[in-house]
Amino acid sequence: MFKRLLLISFLIMAGCQTGIFIKETPAALTDIRKAVVTVLGQPKVTSENGRELISDYHDKKGHIDSALAKAKTRYYTVVLILGERRPYDIKVEVFQEAKTHEQQYEVIAEDLDLAQKLANQIETVLNESLKNRNVIDDFRAF
């Protein structure tokens, strides 16, 4: 019974997650991934298609620290690259976890302020990389 209640509450929480969107980014997928790595460091998990990146654990300010893997509270960021082709939308979500038992953590909140801050940093890095591009870099004959 408890597991069902936990599953239902998780599904309700998952349905309420909003995240922060960066709309219509003209950058290529590889450039978006590079920008995410620049801001969040090498992702802990990357999906098979490379469109979902999950950061390593970080603090409230977004600083990655391996010691946070065992802290009482910790944060992690999920970046989703949405869309079939350019321009892509990027969704940034930051979740706060709290230690519930010896080695178990539970998501207790979504931090929209930190997600906005990280989304702004990713967007800045993307804009800088687009400024430094050459017209020849975007040309594809076929």
Protein backbone atom coordinates (compact mmCIF):
# COMPACT_ATOMS: atom_id res chain seq x y z
CA MET A 1 0.00 0.00 0.00
CA PHE A 2 2.80 2.40 0.93
CA LYS A 3 4.56 1.75 -2.37
CA ARG A 4 1.42 2.57 -4.34
CA LEU A 5 0.94 5.80 -2.41
CA LEU A 6 4.57 6.70 -3.01
CA LEU A 7 4.24 5.93 -6.73
CA ILE A 8 1.06 8.02 -7.04
CA SER A 9 2.63 10.96 -5.21
CA PHE A 10 5.73 10.71 -7.42
CA LEU A 11 3.60 10.74 -10.58
CA ILE A 12 1.70 13.78 -9.32
CA MET A 13 4.97 15.55 -8.52
CA ALA A 14 6.40 14.59 -11.90
CA GLY A 15 3.35 16.05 -13.62
CA CYS A 16 3.77 19.34 -11.79
CA GLN A 17 7.39 19.88 -12.78
CA THR A 18 7.83 22.93 -14.89
CA GLY A 19 11.50 23.63 -15.54
CA ILE A 20 12.96 26.58 -17.41
CA PHE A 21 12.97 26.70 -21.20
CA ILE A 22 15.43 28.25 -23.61
CA LYS A 23 13.30 28.66 -26.72
CA GLU A 24 14.36 28.24 -30.35
CA THR A 25 18.11 27.85 -30.02
CA PRO A 26 19.71 27.87 -33.49
CA ALA A 27 22.82 25.99 -32.30
CA ALA A 28 23.65 22.44 -33.35
CA LEU A 29 23.24 19.54 -30.90
CA THR A 30 27.00 19.25 -30.41
CA ASP A 31 27.25 22.96 -29.59
CA ILE A 32 24.42 22.68 -27.07
CA ARG A 33 26.11 19.70 -25.39
CA LYS A 34 29.43 21.61 -25.26
CA ALA A 35 27.68 24.58 -23.64
CA VAL A 36 26.09 22.32 -21.02
CA VAL A 37 29.47 20.73 -20.25
CA THR A 38 31.03 24.21 -19.95
CA VAL A 39 28.43 25.27 -17.38
CA LEU A 40 27.75 22.01 -15.49
CA GLY A 41 30.86 19.94 -16.11
CA GLN A 42 30.91 16.48 -17.61
CA PRO A 43 27.45 14.92 -17.17
CA LYS A 44 27.01 11.96 -14.86
CA VAL A 45 24.48 10.41 -17.24
CA THR A 46 23.85 11.04 -20.94
CA SER A 47 20.95 9.41 -22.76
CA GLU A 48 21.59 7.13 -25.70
CA ASN A 49 20.62 9.81 -28.22
CA GLY A 50 22.54 12.53 -26.33
CA ARG A 51 19.49 14.73 -25.77
CA GLU A 52 19.14 14.21 -22.02
CA LEU A 53 22.05 15.19 -19.79
CA ILE A 54 22.07 14.72 -16.02
CA SER A 55 24.73 16.58 -14.10
CA ASP A 56 26.80 15.37 -11.22
CA TYR A 57 25.70 16.52 -7.76
CA HIS A 58 26.20 20.20 -7.01
CA ASP A 59 25.45 22.72 -4.31
CA LYS A 60 22.88 25.55 -4.21
CA LYS A 61 25.20 27.77 -6.26
CA GLY A 62 25.75 25.17 -8.99
CA HIS A 63 29.31 24.20 -8.01
CA ILE A 64 30.08 20.53 -8.68
CA ASP A 65 31.56 18.69 -5.70
CA SER A 66 32.07 14.93 -5.40
CA ALA A 67 31.67 15.17 -1.61
CA LEU A 68 27.99 16.05 -2.13
CA ALA A 69 27.25 12.45 -3.15
CA LYS A 70 26.87 11.67 0.58
CA ALA A 71 25.59 15.05 1.87
CA LYS A 72 22.26 15.51 3.66
CA THR A 73 20.91 17.61 0.79
CA ARG A 74 22.20 17.88 -2.74
CA TYR A 75 21.13 19.16 -6.13
CA TYR A 76 21.37 17.82 -9.66
CA THR A 77 20.39 19.28 -13.01
CA VAL A 78 18.58 17.65 -15.92
CA VAL A 79 18.97 19.26 -19.34
CA LEU A 80 16.65 18.09 -22.13
CA ILE A 81 17.17 19.07 -25.77
CA LEU A 82 13.75 19.09 -27.39
CA GLY A 83 12.77 19.12 -31.05
CA GLU A 84 13.42 17.14 -34.21
CA ARG A 85 15.78 19.68 -35.76
CA ARG A 86 16.91 23.28 -35.42
CA PRO A 87 15.85 25.45 -33.76
CA TYR A 88 15.88 23.36 -30.58
CA ASP A 89 14.21 24.11 -27.27
CA ILE A 90 16.25 23.37 -24.15
CA LYS A 91 14.59 22.49 -20.85
CA VAL A 92 16.60 22.95 -17.64
CA GLU A 93 15.37 21.41 -14.38
CA VAL A 94 17.16 21.46 -11.02
CA PHE A 95 16.09 19.02 -8.32
CA GLN A 96 16.92 19.04 -4.64
CA GLU A 97 17.30 15.69 -2.91
CA ALA A 98 17.38 14.97 0.81
CA LYS A 99 18.72 11.92 2.57
CA THR A 100 15.85 9.85 3.94
CA HIS A 101 17.69 6.74 5.12
CA GLU A 102 21.25 5.46 5.27
CA GLN A 103 21.89 5.41 1.49
CA GLN A 104 18.52 6.57 0.10
CA TYR A 105 17.62 9.99 -1.26
CA GLU A 106 14.28 11.46 -2.19
CA VAL A 107 13.52 14.44 -4.43
CA ILE A 108 11.97 17.06 -2.16
CA ALA A 109 11.80 20.11 -4.42
CA GLU A 110 12.46 21.63 -7.80
CA ASP A 111 14.60 24.78 -7.65
CA LEU A 112 13.35 27.11 -10.39
CA ASP A 113 15.63 29.99 -9.36
CA LEU A 114 18.77 27.89 -9.75
CA ALA A 115 17.38 26.41 -12.98
CA GLN A 116 16.90 29.95 -14.34
CA LYS A 117 20.45 30.90 -13.34
CA LEU A 118 21.94 27.82 -15.03
CA ALA A 119 19.73 28.29 -18.13
CA ASN A 120 21.00 31.88 -18.42
CA GLN A 121 24.60 30.65 -18.19
CA ILE A 122 24.00 27.98 -20.85
CA GLU A 123 22.34 30.56 -23.11
CA THR A 124 25.27 32.96 -22.65
CA VAL A 125 27.79 30.27 -23.57
CA LEU A 126 25.69 29.32 -26.61
CA ASN A 127 25.47 32.94 -27.77
CA GLU A 128 29.23 33.37 -27.39
CA SER A 129 29.89 30.23 -29.43
CA LEU A 130 27.49 31.40 -32.16
CA LYS A 131 29.26 34.79 -32.36
CA ASN A 132 32.60 33.09 -32.93
CA ARG A 133 31.37 30.85 -35.74
CA ASN A 134 32.36 31.27 -39.33
CA VAL A 135 29.87 31.13 -42.22
CA ILE A 136 31.84 28.20 -43.64
CA ASP A 137 31.28 26.23 -40.42
CA ASP A 138 27.52 26.15 -41.07
CA PHE A 139 27.74 25.34 -44.77
CA ARG A 140 26.83 21.79 -45.73
CA ALA A 141 26.89 20.83 -49.40
CA PHE A 142 24.54 17.90 -49.00
